Amino acid sequence: MKRHAFSAAAFSGALLGAAMFASPAMAQEEEQYITIGTGGQTGVYYVVGQSVCRLVNRLEDANIKCNAPSTGGSVANINGLKSDELGMGVVQSDVQYQAYNGTGTFEEPYKELRAVFKVHGEPLTMLARADSGIETLDDLKGKRVNIGNPGSGQRNTFEVVMDAKGWTQDTFALASQLGAAEQASALADNNIDAMVYVVGHPNGSIQEATTTVDANLIPLDGEVIQGLVEEYPYYSMSTIPGGLYKGNPDDVTTFGVSATFVTDTDTSNEVVYQTVKAVFENFDRFKQLHPAFSDLEPKTMVTQGLSAPLHEGAARYYREQGWIE
């Protein structure tokens, strides 16, 4: 099993040739380590990873140690799985689909990718300075726009929008590539006119931006957007409720994806089984860890929005619960 099982006993056994004498009980006591790829520290992906790790690390008998560092986001997490730097990761549902099928930014199908569960909905969120003159998607032309850092989910999704519009980075006066943690201050400092962010709500970065500068959420509901929703099964229309952010009292229509929790076939069935068990047997606690989790339901989390096959370790637990056959 790659990237998960490491212990001082194992390394000593290898060095001394004593591994052949290790008993099954000793092997079971070896701690297993898993790293979960998340996103920027102001985003919900970071909370997802930290929350899962918190519950996994509370397990008394599983001997699993979990950490969830900040990463570049969805695409970076897929690449981290491929390179064995990560054991699990949080990715957008469209990125999961593209990675598994070898479309979009992925040249080759990643058939070893496995789904674990769906998390919260994530609308593509566009926020523009009130003094920028931006009121619609088309108003972005000739403006300074943060399109997201390479490897992030927002960059991936917004490039789909750009392609549908026939736009390139030259369409904008500036195509900034700041990460999620930097874009709110850039908007407030008047270094950009608008930013795009695929994220669950309420969100700290959007909160920061709207409390430091007059800024408006921009609707994304035109013909091009409707066409994307009709063409791709992992997109759906979404509404950002009014009143979540200063100066934005009205509901805003947009479209988006879902956050999904993924792994691959290198991750052992037992590690995945224990991970989902930790989440769903402490589900009320998990839902309290972020407002975006408040409406989650287990049955829909394990059956909807997943493009890759379920990992067998997850499927085993879900069958035990009667959630899948």
C-alpha atoms as a PDB file:
ATOM      1  CA  MET A   1       0.000   0.000   0.000  1.00  0.00           C
ATOM      2  CA  LYS A   2       1.606   3.217  -1.113  1.00  0.00           C
ATOM      3  CA  ARG A   3       1.820   6.457   0.859  1.00  0.00           C
ATOM      4  CA  HIS A   4      -0.163   5.310   3.903  1.00  0.00           C
ATOM      5  CA  ALA A   5       1.603   2.759   6.085  1.00  0.00           C
ATOM      6  CA  PHE A   6       4.788   3.929   7.764  1.00  0.00           C
ATOM      7  CA  SER A   7       6.155   3.222  11.243  1.00  0.00           C
ATOM      8  CA  ALA A   8       9.389   3.007  13.136  1.00  0.00           C
ATOM      9  CA  ALA A   9       8.762  -0.712  13.613  1.00  0.00           C
ATOM     10  CA  ALA A  10       8.401  -1.262   9.902  1.00  0.00           C
ATOM     11  CA  PHE A  11      11.600   0.570   9.066  1.00  0.00           C
ATOM     12  CA  SER A  12      13.529  -1.218  11.813  1.00  0.00           C
ATOM     13  CA  GLY A  13      12.181  -4.531  10.597  1.00  0.00           C
ATOM     14  CA  ALA A  14      13.384  -3.819   7.106  1.00  0.00           C
ATOM     15  CA  LEU A  15      16.834  -2.878   8.320  1.00  0.00           C
ATOM     16  CA  LEU A  16      17.276  -5.792  10.680  1.00  0.00           C
ATOM     17  CA  GLY A  17      15.557  -8.450   8.608  1.00  0.00           C
ATOM     18  CA  ALA A  18      13.069  -8.992  11.418  1.00  0.00           C
ATOM     19  CA  ALA A  19       9.953  -8.289   9.401  1.00  0.00           C
ATOM     20  CA  MET A  20       9.523 -12.004   8.686  1.00  0.00           C
ATOM     21  CA  PHE A  21       9.016 -12.602  12.382  1.00  0.00           C
ATOM     22  CA  ALA A  22       6.416  -9.847  12.918  1.00  0.00           C
ATOM     23  CA  SER A  23       3.093 -11.133  14.206  1.00  0.00           C
ATOM     24  CA  PRO A  24      -0.299 -10.081  12.759  1.00  0.00           C
ATOM     25  CA  ALA A  25      -0.978  -8.189  15.993  1.00  0.00           C
ATOM     26  CA  MET A  26       2.200  -6.155  15.538  1.00  0.00           C
ATOM     27  CA  ALA A  27       1.269  -5.337  11.935  1.00  0.00           C
ATOM     28  CA  GLN A  28      -2.144  -4.155  13.051  1.00  0.00           C
ATOM     29  CA  GLU A  29      -0.529  -1.780  15.517  1.00  0.00           C
ATOM     30  CA  GLU A  30       1.436   0.031  12.817  1.00  0.00           C
ATOM     31  CA  GLU A  31       0.218   3.574  12.402  1.00  0.00           C
ATOM     32  CA  GLN A  32      -1.000   4.541   8.970  1.00  0.00           C
ATOM     33  CA  TYR A  33      -0.667   8.078   7.671  1.00  0.00           C
ATOM     34  CA  ILE A  34      -2.844   9.883   5.177  1.00  0.00           C
ATOM     35  CA  THR A  35      -2.575  13.367   3.719  1.00  0.00           C
ATOM     36  CA  ILE A  36      -5.681  15.092   2.370  1.00  0.00           C
ATOM     37  CA  GLY A  37      -5.312  17.784  -0.298  1.00  0.00           C
ATOM     38  CA  THR A  38      -7.540  20.789   0.361  1.00  0.00           C
ATOM     39  CA  GLY A  39      -7.322  24.348  -1.016  1.00  0.00           C
ATOM     40  CA  GLY A  40      -6.656  27.879   0.189  1.00  0.00           C
ATOM     41  CA  GLN A  41      -6.959  28.472   3.928  1.00  0.00           C
ATOM     42  CA  THR A  42      -9.885  30.888   3.466  1.00  0.00           C
ATOM     43  CA  GLY A  43     -11.919  28.374   1.445  1.00  0.00           C
ATOM     44  CA  VAL A  44     -14.292  25.588   2.422  1.00  0.00           C
ATOM     45  CA  TYR A  45     -12.030  22.856   0.976  1.00  0.00           C
ATOM     46  CA  TYR A  46      -9.554  23.545   3.743  1.00  0.00           C
ATOM     47  CA  VAL A  47     -12.347  23.181   6.295  1.00  0.00           C
ATOM     48  CA  VAL A  48     -13.489  19.911   4.684  1.00  0.00           C
ATOM     49  CA  GLY A  49     -10.023  18.385   4.919  1.00  0.00           C
ATOM     50  CA  GLN A  50      -9.382  19.651   8.423  1.00  0.00           C
ATOM     51  CA  SER A  51     -12.804  18.421   9.558  1.00  0.00           C
ATOM     52  CA  VAL A  52     -12.323  14.939   8.142  1.00  0.00           C
ATOM     53  CA  CYS A  53      -8.884  14.707   9.740  1.00  0.00           C
ATOM     54  CA  ARG A  54     -10.235  15.860  13.079  1.00  0.00           C
ATOM     55  CA  LEU A  55     -12.749  12.996  13.078  1.00  0.00           C
ATOM     56  CA  VAL A  56     -10.282  10.414  11.756  1.00  0.00           C
ATOM     57  CA  ASN A  57      -7.710  11.348  14.388  1.00  0.00           C
ATOM     58  CA  ARG A  58     -10.338  10.752  17.090  1.00  0.00           C
ATOM     59  CA  LEU A  59     -10.638   7.079  16.124  1.00  0.00           C
ATOM     60  CA  GLU A  60      -9.301   4.954  18.945  1.00  0.00           C
ATOM     61  CA  ASP A  61      -8.598   1.640  17.239  1.00  0.00           C
ATOM     62  CA  ALA A  62      -7.885   2.497  13.605  1.00  0.00           C
ATOM     63  CA  ASN A  63      -4.256   3.652  14.089  1.00  0.00           C
ATOM     64  CA  ILE A  64      -4.631   6.263  11.332  1.00  0.00           C
ATOM     65  CA  LYS A  65      -2.984   9.672  11.550  1.00  0.00           C
ATOM     66  CA  CYS A  66      -4.378  12.307   9.218  1.00  0.00           C
ATOM     67  CA  ASN A  67      -3.228  15.771   8.139  1.00  0.00           C
ATOM     68  CA  ALA A  68      -4.777  18.189   5.654  1.00  0.00           C
ATOM     69  CA  PRO A  69      -2.444  20.949   4.445  1.00  0.00           C
ATOM     70  CA  SER A  70      -3.462  23.864   2.276  1.00  0.00           C
ATOM     71  CA  THR A  71      -2.917  23.172  -1.438  1.00  0.00           C
ATOM     72  CA  GLY A  72      -3.483  24.797  -4.807  1.00  0.00           C
ATOM     73  CA  GLY A  73      -6.987  23.323  -5.131  1.00  0.00           C
ATOM     74  CA  SER A  74      -8.819  20.773  -7.250  1.00  0.00           C
ATOM     75  CA  VAL A  75      -6.438  20.156 -10.142  1.00  0.00           C
ATOM     76  CA  ALA A  76      -3.432  20.277  -7.829  1.00  0.00           C
ATOM     77  CA  ASN A  77      -5.099  17.675  -5.620  1.00  0.00           C
ATOM     78  CA  ILE A  78      -5.657  15.324  -8.577  1.00  0.00           C
ATOM     79  CA  ASN A  79      -2.008  15.717  -9.533  1.00  0.00           C
ATOM     80  CA  GLY A  80      -1.023  15.082  -5.920  1.00  0.00           C
ATOM     81  CA  LEU A  81      -2.920  11.804  -5.962  1.00  0.00           C
ATOM     82  CA  LYS A  82      -1.226  10.788  -9.196  1.00  0.00           C
ATOM     83  CA  SER A  83       2.233  11.548  -7.806  1.00  0.00           C
ATOM     84  CA  ASP A  84       1.528   9.808  -4.466  1.00  0.00           C
ATOM     85  CA  GLU A  85       2.033  13.053  -2.552  1.00  0.00           C
ATOM     86  CA  LEU A  86      -1.580  12.855  -1.365  1.00  0.00           C
ATOM     87  CA  GLY A  87      -3.786  10.006  -0.247  1.00  0.00           C
ATOM     88  CA  MET A  88      -7.132  11.783  -0.589  1.00  0.00           C
ATOM     89  CA  GLY A  89      -8.317  15.157  -1.784  1.00  0.00           C
ATOM     90  CA  VAL A  90     -11.218  17.550  -2.224  1.00  0.00           C
ATOM     91  CA  VAL A  91     -12.025  18.396  -5.846  1.00  0.00           C
ATOM     92  CA  GLN A  92     -14.821  19.994  -7.794  1.00  0.00           C
ATOM     93  CA  SER A  93     -17.269  17.574  -9.419  1.00  0.00           C
ATOM     94  CA  ASP A  94     -16.337  18.837 -12.887  1.00  0.00           C
ATOM     95  CA  VAL A  95     -12.630  18.259 -12.187  1.00  0.00           C
ATOM     96  CA  GLN A  96     -13.417  14.742 -10.958  1.00  0.00           C
ATOM     97  CA  TYR A  97     -15.259  14.053 -14.222  1.00  0.00           C
ATOM     98  CA  GLN A  98     -12.531  15.539 -16.398  1.00  0.00           C
ATOM     99  CA  ALA A  99      -9.727  13.719 -14.597  1.00  0.00           C
ATOM    100  CA  TYR A 100     -11.429  10.327 -14.750  1.00  0.00           C
ATOM    101  CA  ASN A 101     -12.344  10.729 -18.426  1.00  0.00           C
ATOM    102  CA  GLY A 102      -9.228  12.549 -19.646  1.00  0.00           C
ATOM    103  CA  THR A 103     -10.971  15.732 -20.807  1.00  0.00           C
ATOM    104  CA  GLY A 104     -10.488  19.440 -20.138  1.00  0.00           C
ATOM    105  CA  THR A 105      -7.046  20.059 -18.697  1.00  0.00           C
ATOM    106  CA  PHE A 106      -6.328  16.330 -18.366  1.00  0.00           C
ATOM    107  CA  GLU A 107      -4.768  14.704 -21.414  1.00  0.00           C
ATOM    108  CA  GLU A 108      -5.036  11.107 -20.197  1.00  0.00           C
ATOM    109  CA  PRO A 109      -7.894   9.366 -18.340  1.00  0.00           C
ATOM    110  CA  TYR A 110      -7.124   8.762 -14.675  1.00  0.00           C
ATOM    111  CA  LYS A 111      -8.966   5.470 -14.358  1.00  0.00           C
ATOM    112  CA  GLU A 112      -7.450   4.786 -10.927  1.00  0.00           C
ATOM    113  CA  LEU A 113      -9.408   7.743  -9.494  1.00  0.00           C
ATOM    114  CA  ARG A 114     -12.125   6.766  -7.025  1.00  0.00           C
ATOM    115  CA  ALA A 115     -14.990   8.744  -5.506  1.00  0.00           C
ATOM    116  CA  VAL A 116     -15.630   8.701  -1.764  1.00  0.00           C
ATOM    117  CA  PHE A 117     -18.533  11.120  -1.217  1.00  0.00           C
ATOM    118  CA  LYS A 118     -19.996  14.435  -2.350  1.00  0.00           C
ATOM    119  CA  VAL A 119     -19.886  17.385  -0.009  1.00  0.00           C
ATOM    120  CA  HIS A 120     -21.455  20.844  -0.445  1.00  0.00           C
ATOM    121  CA  GLY A 121     -22.618  22.751  -3.505  1.00  0.00           C
ATOM    122  CA  GLU A 122     -20.228  25.336  -4.965  1.00  0.00           C
ATOM    123  CA  PRO A 123     -21.475  28.095  -7.234  1.00  0.00           C
ATOM    124  CA  LEU A 124     -19.103  30.004  -9.490  1.00  0.00           C
ATOM    125  CA  THR A 125     -19.060  33.305  -7.634  1.00  0.00           C
ATOM    126  CA  MET A 126     -18.123  36.541  -9.365  1.00  0.00           C
ATOM    127  CA  LEU A 127     -17.481  39.603  -7.229  1.00  0.00           C
ATOM    128  CA  ALA A 128     -16.749  43.029  -8.716  1.00  0.00           C
ATOM    129  CA  ARG A 129     -15.876  46.391  -7.251  1.00  0.00           C
ATOM    130  CA  ALA A 130     -18.921  48.659  -7.272  1.00  0.00           C
ATOM    131  CA  ASP A 131     -16.907  51.372  -9.046  1.00  0.00           C
ATOM    132  CA  SER A 132     -15.767  49.011 -11.840  1.00  0.00           C
ATOM    133  CA  GLY A 133     -18.891  49.306 -14.000  1.00  0.00           C
ATOM    134  CA  ILE A 134     -19.218  45.510 -14.089  1.00  0.00           C
ATOM    135  CA  GLU A 135     -22.824  44.332 -13.903  1.00  0.00           C
ATOM    136  CA  THR A 136     -22.829  41.310 -16.225  1.00  0.00           C
ATOM    137  CA  LEU A 137     -20.412  38.635 -17.437  1.00  0.00           C
ATOM    138  CA  ASP A 138     -19.820  40.497 -20.703  1.00  0.00           C
ATOM    139  CA  ASP A 139     -18.700  43.575 -18.759  1.00  0.00           C
ATOM    140  CA  LEU A 140     -15.490  41.722 -17.822  1.00  0.00           C
ATOM    141  CA  LYS A 141     -14.014  42.445 -21.246  1.00  0.00           C
ATOM    142  CA  GLY A 142     -11.218  44.975 -20.936  1.00  0.00           C
ATOM    143  CA  LYS A 143     -11.207  44.772 -17.133  1.00  0.00           C
ATOM    144  CA  ARG A 144      -8.661  43.523 -14.587  1.00  0.00           C
ATOM    145  CA  VAL A 145      -9.900  40.084 -13.574  1.00  0.00           C
ATOM    146  CA  ASN A 146      -8.444  37.512 -11.214  1.00  0.00           C
ATOM    147  CA  ILE A 147      -9.067  34.235 -13.059  1.00  0.00           C
ATOM    148  CA  GLY A 148      -7.540  32.061 -10.318  1.00  0.00           C
ATOM    149  CA  ASN A 149      -4.222  30.361  -9.765  1.00  0.00           C
ATOM    150  CA  PRO A 150      -3.209  27.461 -12.036  1.00  0.00           C
ATOM    151  CA  GLY A 151      -4.368  24.191 -10.503  1.00  0.00           C
ATOM    152  CA  SER A 152      -7.378  25.718  -8.765  1.00  0.00           C
ATOM    153  CA  GLY A 153     -10.981  24.756  -9.352  1.00  0.00           C
ATOM    154  CA  GLN A 154     -12.052  28.318 -10.094  1.00  0.00           C
ATOM    155  CA  ARG A 155      -9.418  28.598 -12.793  1.00  0.00           C
ATOM    156  CA  ASN A 156     -10.643  25.345 -14.321  1.00  0.00           C
ATOM    157  CA  THR A 157     -14.319  26.333 -14.291  1.00  0.00           C
ATOM    158  CA  PHE A 158     -13.771  29.893 -15.442  1.00  0.00           C
ATOM    159  CA  GLU A 159     -11.683  28.695 -18.366  1.00  0.00           C
ATOM    160  CA  VAL A 160     -14.710  26.620 -19.423  1.00  0.00           C
ATOM    161  CA  VAL A 161     -16.742  29.834 -19.373  1.00  0.00           C
ATOM    162  CA  MET A 162     -14.018  31.662 -21.294  1.00  0.00           C
ATOM    163  CA  ASP A 163     -13.915  28.947 -23.955  1.00  0.00           C
ATOM    164  CA  ALA A 164     -17.700  29.063 -24.312  1.00  0.00           C
ATOM    165  CA  LYS A 165     -17.506  32.834 -24.784  1.00  0.00           C
ATOM    166  CA  GLY A 166     -14.575  32.590 -27.199  1.00  0.00           C
ATOM    167  CA  TRP A 167     -12.394  34.555 -24.805  1.00  0.00           C
ATOM    168  CA  THR A 168      -8.673  34.320 -24.075  1.00  0.00           C
ATOM    169  CA  GLN A 169      -6.625  35.989 -21.365  1.00  0.00           C
ATOM    170  CA  ASP A 170      -6.058  38.832 -23.829  1.00  0.00           C
ATOM    171  CA  THR A 171      -9.788  39.608 -23.511  1.00  0.00           C
ATOM    172  CA  PHE A 172      -8.974  41.283 -20.202  1.00  0.00           C
ATOM    173  CA  ALA A 173      -6.800  44.281 -19.436  1.00  0.00           C
ATOM    174  CA  LEU A 174      -5.201  42.043 -16.812  1.00  0.00           C
ATOM    175  CA  ALA A 175      -5.693  38.319 -16.212  1.00  0.00           C
ATOM    176  CA  SER A 176      -4.421  38.027 -12.666  1.00  0.00           C
ATOM    177  CA  GLN A 177      -3.603  34.549 -11.337  1.00  0.00           C
ATOM    178  CA  LEU A 178      -3.742  35.085  -7.587  1.00  0.00           C
ATOM    179  CA  GLY A 179      -4.683  32.304  -5.194  1.00  0.00           C
ATOM    180  CA  ALA A 180      -7.841  32.314  -3.123  1.00  0.00           C
ATOM    181  CA  ALA A 181      -6.138  33.801  -0.066  1.00  0.00           C
ATOM    182  CA  GLU A 182      -4.839  36.828  -1.988  1.00  0.00           C
ATOM    183  CA  GLN A 183      -7.729  37.916  -4.170  1.00  0.00           C
ATOM    184  CA  ALA A 184      -9.885  39.685  -1.569  1.00  0.00           C
ATOM    185  CA  SER A 185      -7.096  42.085  -0.610  1.00  0.00           C
ATOM    186  CA  ALA A 186      -6.284  42.641  -4.295  1.00  0.00           C
ATOM    187  CA  LEU A 187      -9.889  43.683  -4.900  1.00  0.00           C
ATOM    188  CA  ALA A 188      -9.887  45.961  -1.860  1.00  0.00           C
ATOM    189  CA  ASP A 189      -6.561  47.531  -2.883  1.00  0.00           C
ATOM    190  CA  ASN A 190      -7.909  48.259  -6.383  1.00  0.00           C
ATOM    191  CA  ASN A 191      -5.377  45.968  -8.038  1.00  0.00           C
ATOM    192  CA  ILE A 192      -8.184  44.060  -9.783  1.00  0.00           C
ATOM    193  CA  ASP A 193     -11.736  44.950 -10.791  1.00  0.00           C
ATOM    194  CA  ALA A 194     -13.275  41.526 -10.304  1.00  0.00           C
ATOM    195  CA  MET A 195     -12.543  38.054  -8.984  1.00  0.00           C
ATOM    196  CA  VAL A 196     -14.045  34.624  -9.602  1.00  0.00           C
ATOM    197  CA  TYR A 197     -14.252  31.945  -6.962  1.00  0.00           C
ATOM    198  CA  VAL A 198     -15.851  28.500  -6.958  1.00  0.00           C
ATOM    199  CA  VAL A 199     -16.793  28.127  -3.313  1.00  0.00           C
ATOM    200  CA  GLY A 200     -19.490  27.219  -0.811  1.00  0.00           C
ATOM    201  CA  HIS A 201     -21.259  30.007   1.033  1.00  0.00           C
ATOM    202  CA  PRO A 202     -20.910  31.820   3.340  1.00  0.00           C
ATOM    203  CA  ASN A 203     -17.216  32.256   2.598  1.00  0.00           C
ATOM    204  CA  GLY A 204     -14.537  34.148   4.494  1.00  0.00           C
ATOM    205  CA  SER A 205     -12.782  35.543   1.424  1.00  0.00           C
ATOM    206  CA  ILE A 206     -16.013  37.020   0.013  1.00  0.00           C
ATOM    207  CA  GLN A 207     -16.854  38.318   3.487  1.00  0.00           C
ATOM    208  CA  GLU A 208     -13.463  40.003   3.736  1.00  0.00           C
ATOM    209  CA  ALA A 209     -13.783  41.637   0.327  1.00  0.00           C
ATOM    210  CA  THR A 210     -17.307  42.992   0.827  1.00  0.00           C
ATOM    211  CA  THR A 211     -16.510  44.463   4.236  1.00  0.00           C
ATOM    212  CA  THR A 212     -13.392  46.302   3.040  1.00  0.00           C
ATOM    213  CA  VAL A 213     -14.697  47.689  -0.263  1.00  0.00           C
ATOM    214  CA  ASP A 214     -18.084  48.230  -1.900  1.00  0.00           C
ATOM    215  CA  ALA A 215     -18.438  45.159  -4.085  1.00  0.00           C
ATOM    216  CA  ASN A 216     -21.293  43.380  -5.849  1.00  0.00           C
ATOM    217  CA  LEU A 217     -22.008  39.746  -6.631  1.00  0.00           C
ATOM    218  CA  ILE A 218     -22.578  39.435 -10.396  1.00  0.00           C
ATOM    219  CA  PRO A 219     -25.267  37.089 -11.775  1.00  0.00           C
ATOM    220  CA  LEU A 220     -24.231  34.373 -14.237  1.00  0.00           C
ATOM    221  CA  ASP A 221     -27.393  33.226 -15.941  1.00  0.00           C
ATOM    222  CA  GLY A 222     -27.233  34.124 -19.632  1.00  0.00           C
ATOM    223  CA  GLU A 223     -27.558  31.934 -22.710  1.00  0.00           C
ATOM    224  CA  VAL A 224     -23.958  30.712 -22.604  1.00  0.00           C
ATOM    225  CA  ILE A 225     -24.269  29.661 -18.969  1.00  0.00           C
ATOM    226  CA  GLN A 226     -27.563  27.880 -19.607  1.00  0.00           C
ATOM    227  CA  GLY A 227     -25.883  26.052 -22.473  1.00  0.00           C
ATOM    228  CA  LEU A 228     -23.072  24.821 -20.227  1.00  0.00           C
ATOM    229  CA  VAL A 229     -25.580  23.529 -17.661  1.00  0.00           C
ATOM    230  CA  GLU A 230     -27.485  21.665 -20.375  1.00  0.00           C
ATOM    231  CA  GLU A 231     -24.311  20.184 -21.890  1.00  0.00           C
ATOM    232  CA  TYR A 232     -22.445  19.007 -18.802  1.00  0.00           C
ATOM    233  CA  PRO A 233     -24.039  16.721 -16.164  1.00  0.00           C
ATOM    234  CA  TYR A 234     -21.865  17.998 -13.315  1.00  0.00           C
ATOM    235  CA  TYR A 235     -23.127  21.600 -13.599  1.00  0.00           C
ATOM    236  CA  SER A 236     -26.381  22.951 -12.187  1.00  0.00           C
ATOM    237  CA  MET A 237     -27.954  26.358 -11.664  1.00  0.00           C
ATOM    238  CA  SER A 238     -27.501  27.757  -8.189  1.00  0.00           C
ATOM    239  CA  THR A 239     -28.561  30.692  -6.062  1.00  0.00           C
ATOM    240  CA  ILE A 240     -26.403  32.646  -3.620  1.00  0.00           C
ATOM    241  CA  PRO A 241     -28.845  33.834  -0.939  1.00  0.00           C
ATOM    242  CA  GLY A 242     -29.183  37.554  -0.398  1.00  0.00           C
ATOM    243  CA  GLY A 243     -28.032  39.047   2.868  1.00  0.00           C
ATOM    244  CA  LEU A 244     -24.964  36.864   3.367  1.00  0.00           C
ATOM    245  CA  TYR A 245     -22.595  39.691   2.494  1.00  0.00           C
ATOM    246  CA  LYS A 246     -22.551  43.419   3.121  1.00  0.00           C
ATOM    247  CA  GLY A 247     -24.109  45.421   0.300  1.00  0.00           C
ATOM    248  CA  ASN A 248     -25.662  42.374  -1.369  1.00  0.00           C
ATOM    249  CA  PRO A 249     -29.230  42.068  -0.076  1.00  0.00           C
ATOM    250  CA  ASP A 250     -30.707  40.198  -3.056  1.00  0.00           C
ATOM    251  CA  ASP A 251     -30.434  36.590  -4.244  1.00  0.00           C
ATOM    252  CA  VAL A 252     -27.943  36.134  -7.094  1.00  0.00           C
ATOM    253  CA  THR A 253     -28.373  33.469  -9.752  1.00  0.00           C
ATOM    254  CA  THR A 254     -25.315  31.623 -10.986  1.00  0.00           C
ATOM    255  CA  PHE A 255     -24.251  28.067 -11.782  1.00  0.00           C
ATOM    256  CA  GLY A 256     -21.802  25.694 -10.243  1.00  0.00           C
ATOM    257  CA  VAL A 257     -20.555  22.322  -9.195  1.00  0.00           C
ATOM    258  CA  SER A 258     -20.254  20.291  -6.011  1.00  0.00           C
ATOM    259  CA  ALA A 259     -17.238  19.648  -3.851  1.00  0.00           C
ATOM    260  CA  THR A 260     -16.333  15.970  -3.851  1.00  0.00           C
ATOM    261  CA  PHE A 261     -14.006  13.886  -1.710  1.00  0.00           C
ATOM    262  CA  VAL A 262     -11.817  11.525  -3.743  1.00  0.00           C
ATOM    263  CA  THR A 263      -8.957   9.063  -3.515  1.00  0.00           C
ATOM    264  CA  ASP A 264      -7.527   6.409  -5.838  1.00  0.00           C
ATOM    265  CA  THR A 265      -6.969   2.681  -6.003  1.00  0.00           C
ATOM    266  CA  ASP A 266      -3.612   2.933  -4.203  1.00  0.00           C
ATOM    267  CA  THR A 267      -5.416   3.826  -0.986  1.00  0.00           C
ATOM    268  CA  SER A 268      -6.289   0.737   1.048  1.00  0.00           C
ATOM    269  CA  ASN A 269      -9.884  -0.351   1.526  1.00  0.00           C
ATOM    270  CA  GLU A 270      -9.441  -0.218   5.299  1.00  0.00           C
ATOM    271  CA  VAL A 271      -8.166   3.373   5.353  1.00  0.00           C
ATOM    272  CA  VAL A 272     -11.073   4.559   3.219  1.00  0.00           C
ATOM    273  CA  TYR A 273     -13.575   2.498   5.213  1.00  0.00           C
ATOM    274  CA  GLN A 274     -12.361   3.985   8.490  1.00  0.00           C
ATOM    275  CA  THR A 275     -12.363   7.499   7.026  1.00  0.00           C
ATOM    276  CA  VAL A 276     -16.001   7.400   5.886  1.00  0.00           C
ATOM    277  CA  LYS A 277     -16.990   5.644   9.104  1.00  0.00           C
ATOM    278  CA  ALA A 278     -15.408   8.471  11.114  1.00  0.00           C
ATOM    279  CA  VAL A 279     -17.379  11.060   9.129  1.00  0.00           C
ATOM    280  CA  PHE A 280     -20.783   9.415   9.038  1.00  0.00           C
ATOM    281  CA  GLU A 281     -20.762   8.055  12.578  1.00  0.00           C
ATOM    282  CA  ASN A 282     -20.059  11.607  13.754  1.00  0.00           C
ATOM    283  CA  PHE A 283     -22.234  13.257  11.132  1.00  0.00           C
ATOM    284  CA  ASP A 284     -23.983  15.788  13.376  1.00  0.00           C
ATOM    285  CA  ARG A 285     -20.577  16.966  14.579  1.00  0.00           C
ATOM    286  CA  PHE A 286     -19.308  17.165  10.984  1.00  0.00           C
ATOM    287  CA  LYS A 287     -22.283  19.277   9.865  1.00  0.00           C
ATOM    288  CA  GLN A 288     -21.568  21.797  12.604  1.00  0.00           C
ATOM    289  CA  LEU A 289     -18.023  22.453  11.431  1.00  0.00           C
ATOM    290  CA  HIS A 290     -19.071  24.834   8.616  1.00  0.00           C
ATOM    291  CA  PRO A 291     -22.377  26.482   7.596  1.00  0.00           C
ATOM    292  CA  ALA A 292     -21.991  25.041   4.074  1.00  0.00           C
ATOM    293  CA  PHE A 293     -22.430  21.551   5.561  1.00  0.00           C
ATOM    294  CA  SER A 294     -25.750  22.261   7.273  1.00  0.00           C
ATOM    295  CA  ASP A 295     -28.016  20.747   4.595  1.00  0.00           C
ATOM    296  CA  LEU A 296     -25.955  17.642   3.826  1.00  0.00           C
ATOM    297  CA  GLU A 297     -27.732  14.282   3.697  1.00  0.00           C
ATOM    298  CA  PRO A 298     -25.775  11.000   3.709  1.00  0.00           C
ATOM    299  CA  LYS A 299     -27.778   9.214   1.007  1.00  0.00           C
ATOM    300  CA  THR A 300     -27.343  12.005  -1.539  1.00  0.00           C
ATOM    301  CA  MET A 301     -23.683  12.461  -0.608  1.00  0.00           C
ATOM    302  CA  VAL A 302     -22.882   8.876  -1.628  1.00  0.00           C
ATOM    303  CA  THR A 303     -25.088   8.588  -4.725  1.00  0.00           C
ATOM    304  CA  GLN A 304     -25.106  11.972  -6.494  1.00  0.00           C
ATOM    305  CA  GLY A 305     -22.493  14.126  -8.230  1.00  0.00           C
ATOM    306  CA  LEU A 306     -19.874  11.370  -8.456  1.00  0.00           C
ATOM    307  CA  SER A 307     -18.291  10.622 -11.841  1.00  0.00           C
ATOM    308  CA  ALA A 308     -15.621   8.131 -10.830  1.00  0.00           C
ATOM    309  CA  PRO A 309     -16.511   4.720  -9.357  1.00  0.00           C
ATOM    310  CA  LEU A 310     -16.881   4.517  -5.588  1.00  0.00           C
ATOM    311  CA  HIS A 311     -13.795   3.283  -3.781  1.00  0.00           C
ATOM    312  CA  GLU A 312     -14.486  -0.224  -2.508  1.00  0.00           C
ATOM    313  CA  GLY A 313     -13.668   0.785   1.066  1.00  0.00           C
ATOM    314  CA  ALA A 314     -16.356   3.487   0.927  1.00  0.00           C
ATOM    315  CA  ALA A 315     -18.831   1.232  -0.873  1.00  0.00           C
ATOM    316  CA  ARG A 316     -18.411  -1.408   1.845  1.00  0.00           C
ATOM    317  CA  TYR A 317     -19.509   1.047   4.539  1.00  0.00           C
ATOM    318  CA  TYR A 318     -22.383   2.421   2.449  1.00  0.00           C
ATOM    319  CA  ARG A 319     -23.689  -1.097   1.773  1.00  0.00           C
ATOM    320  CA  GLU A 320     -23.595  -1.819   5.494  1.00  0.00           C
ATOM    321  CA  GLN A 321     -25.777   1.266   6.037  1.00  0.00           C
ATOM    322  CA  GLY A 322     -28.217   0.289   3.282  1.00  0.00           C
ATOM    323  CA  TRP A 323     -27.448   3.442   1.299  1.00  0.00           C
ATOM    324  CA  ILE A 324     -26.378   1.539  -1.824  1.00  0.00           C
ATOM    325  CA  GLU A 325     -26.911  -2.030  -3.035  1.00  0.00           C
END
